[in-house]
Amino acid sequence: MEKKLIKPAKLASLSRSQVREN
């Protein structure tokens, strides 16, 4: 349950970090 809640938040954070780095 905790992993699923962290998944979307981490994905959004990673997506934003990747887009900013690229």
PDB file of N, CA and C in Angstrom:
ATOM      1  N   MET A   1       0.853  -1.203   0.000  1.00  0.00           N
ATOM      2  CA  MET A   1       0.000   0.000   0.000  1.00  0.00           C
ATOM      3  C   MET A   1       0.889   1.253   0.000  1.00  0.00           C
ATOM      4  N   GLU A   2       1.884   1.257   0.860  1.00  0.00           N
ATOM      5  CA  GLU A   2       2.759   2.441   0.922  1.00  0.00           C
ATOM      6  C   GLU A   2       3.532   2.605  -0.390  1.00  0.00           C
ATOM      7  N   LYS A   3       3.930   1.499  -0.938  1.00  0.00           N
ATOM      8  CA  LYS A   3       4.714   1.587  -2.201  1.00  0.00           C
ATOM      9  C   LYS A   3       3.846   2.180  -3.306  1.00  0.00           C
ATOM     10  N   LYS A   4       2.603   1.800  -3.334  1.00  0.00           N
ATOM     11  CA  LYS A   4       1.722   2.311  -4.410  1.00  0.00           C
ATOM     12  C   LYS A   4       1.524   3.815  -4.246  1.00  0.00           C
ATOM     13  N   LEU A   5       1.468   4.268  -3.016  1.00  0.00           N
ATOM     14  CA  LEU A   5       1.249   5.720  -2.778  1.00  0.00           C
ATOM     15  C   LEU A   5       2.529   6.484  -3.137  1.00  0.00           C
ATOM     16  N   ILE A   6       3.652   5.862  -2.874  1.00  0.00           N
ATOM     17  CA  ILE A   6       4.936   6.533  -3.171  1.00  0.00           C
ATOM     18  C   ILE A   6       5.251   6.431  -4.674  1.00  0.00           C
ATOM     19  N   LYS A   7       4.710   5.425  -5.310  1.00  0.00           N
ATOM     20  CA  LYS A   7       5.013   5.232  -6.751  1.00  0.00           C
ATOM     21  C   LYS A   7       4.599   6.466  -7.579  1.00  0.00           C
ATOM     22  N   PRO A   8       3.367   6.880  -7.507  1.00  0.00           N
ATOM     23  CA  PRO A   8       2.917   8.045  -8.285  1.00  0.00           C
ATOM     24  C   PRO A   8       3.698   9.305  -7.912  1.00  0.00           C
ATOM     25  N   ALA A   9       3.929   9.484  -6.658  1.00  0.00           N
ATOM     26  CA  ALA A   9       4.661  10.687  -6.218  1.00  0.00           C
ATOM     27  C   ALA A   9       6.104  10.625  -6.726  1.00  0.00           C
ATOM     28  N   LYS A  10       6.699   9.459  -6.635  1.00  0.00           N
ATOM     29  CA  LYS A  10       8.111   9.331  -7.087  1.00  0.00           C
ATOM     30  C   LYS A  10       8.160   9.453  -8.612  1.00  0.00           C
ATOM     31  N   LEU A  11       7.193   8.882  -9.276  1.00  0.00           N
ATOM     32  CA  LEU A  11       7.177   8.944 -10.752  1.00  0.00           C
ATOM     33  C   LEU A  11       7.071  10.397 -11.198  1.00  0.00           C
ATOM     34  N   ALA A  12       6.216  11.141 -10.553  1.00  0.00           N
ATOM     35  CA  ALA A  12       6.041  12.562 -10.934  1.00  0.00           C
ATOM     36  C   ALA A  12       7.347  13.309 -10.651  1.00  0.00           C
ATOM     37  N   SER A  13       7.958  12.999  -9.544  1.00  0.00           N
ATOM     38  CA  SER A  13       9.210  13.691  -9.179  1.00  0.00           C
ATOM     39  C   SER A  13      10.314  13.311 -10.176  1.00  0.00           C
ATOM     40  N   LEU A  14      10.374  12.037 -10.508  1.00  0.00           N
ATOM     41  CA  LEU A  14      11.414  11.578 -11.448  1.00  0.00           C
ATOM     42  C   LEU A  14      11.147  12.167 -12.833  1.00  0.00           C
ATOM     43  N   SER A  15       9.897  12.169 -13.229  1.00  0.00           N
ATOM     44  CA  SER A  15       9.535  12.700 -14.561  1.00  0.00           C
ATOM     45  C   SER A  15       9.941  14.175 -14.629  1.00  0.00           C
ATOM     46  N   ARG A  16       9.656  14.905 -13.582  1.00  0.00           N
ATOM     47  CA  ARG A  16       9.974  16.367 -13.591  1.00  0.00           C
ATOM     48  C   ARG A  16      11.498  16.519 -13.568  1.00  0.00           C
ATOM     49  N   SER A  17      12.165  15.701 -12.810  1.00  0.00           N
ATOM     50  CA  SER A  17      13.637  15.821 -12.706  1.00  0.00           C
ATOM     51  C   SER A  17      14.261  15.483 -14.063  1.00  0.00           C
ATOM     52  N   GLN A  18      13.735  14.469 -14.706  1.00  0.00           N
ATOM     53  CA  GLN A  18      14.305  14.060 -16.010  1.00  0.00           C
ATOM     54  C   GLN A  18      14.043  15.141 -17.047  1.00  0.00           C
ATOM     55  N   VAL A  19      12.861  15.669 -17.055  1.00  0.00           N
ATOM     56  CA  VAL A  19      12.520  16.700 -18.064  1.00  0.00           C
ATOM     57  C   VAL A  19      13.375  17.949 -17.813  1.00  0.00           C
ATOM     58  N   ARG A  20      13.633  18.241 -16.570  1.00  0.00           N
ATOM     59  CA  ARG A  20      14.429  19.464 -16.260  1.00  0.00           C
ATOM     60  C   ARG A  20      15.887  19.189 -16.641  1.00  0.00           C
ATOM     61  N   GLU A  21      16.362  18.013 -16.377  1.00  0.00           N
ATOM     62  CA  GLU A  21      17.776  17.712 -16.694  1.00  0.00           C
ATOM     63  C   GLU A  21      17.963  17.686 -18.204  1.00  0.00           C
ATOM     64  N   ASN A  22      16.997  17.138 -18.901  1.00  0.00           N
ATOM     65  CA  ASN A  22      17.130  17.045 -20.378  1.00  0.00           C
ATOM     66  C   ASN A  22      16.782  18.402 -20.948  1.00  0.00           C
TER      67      ASN A  22
END
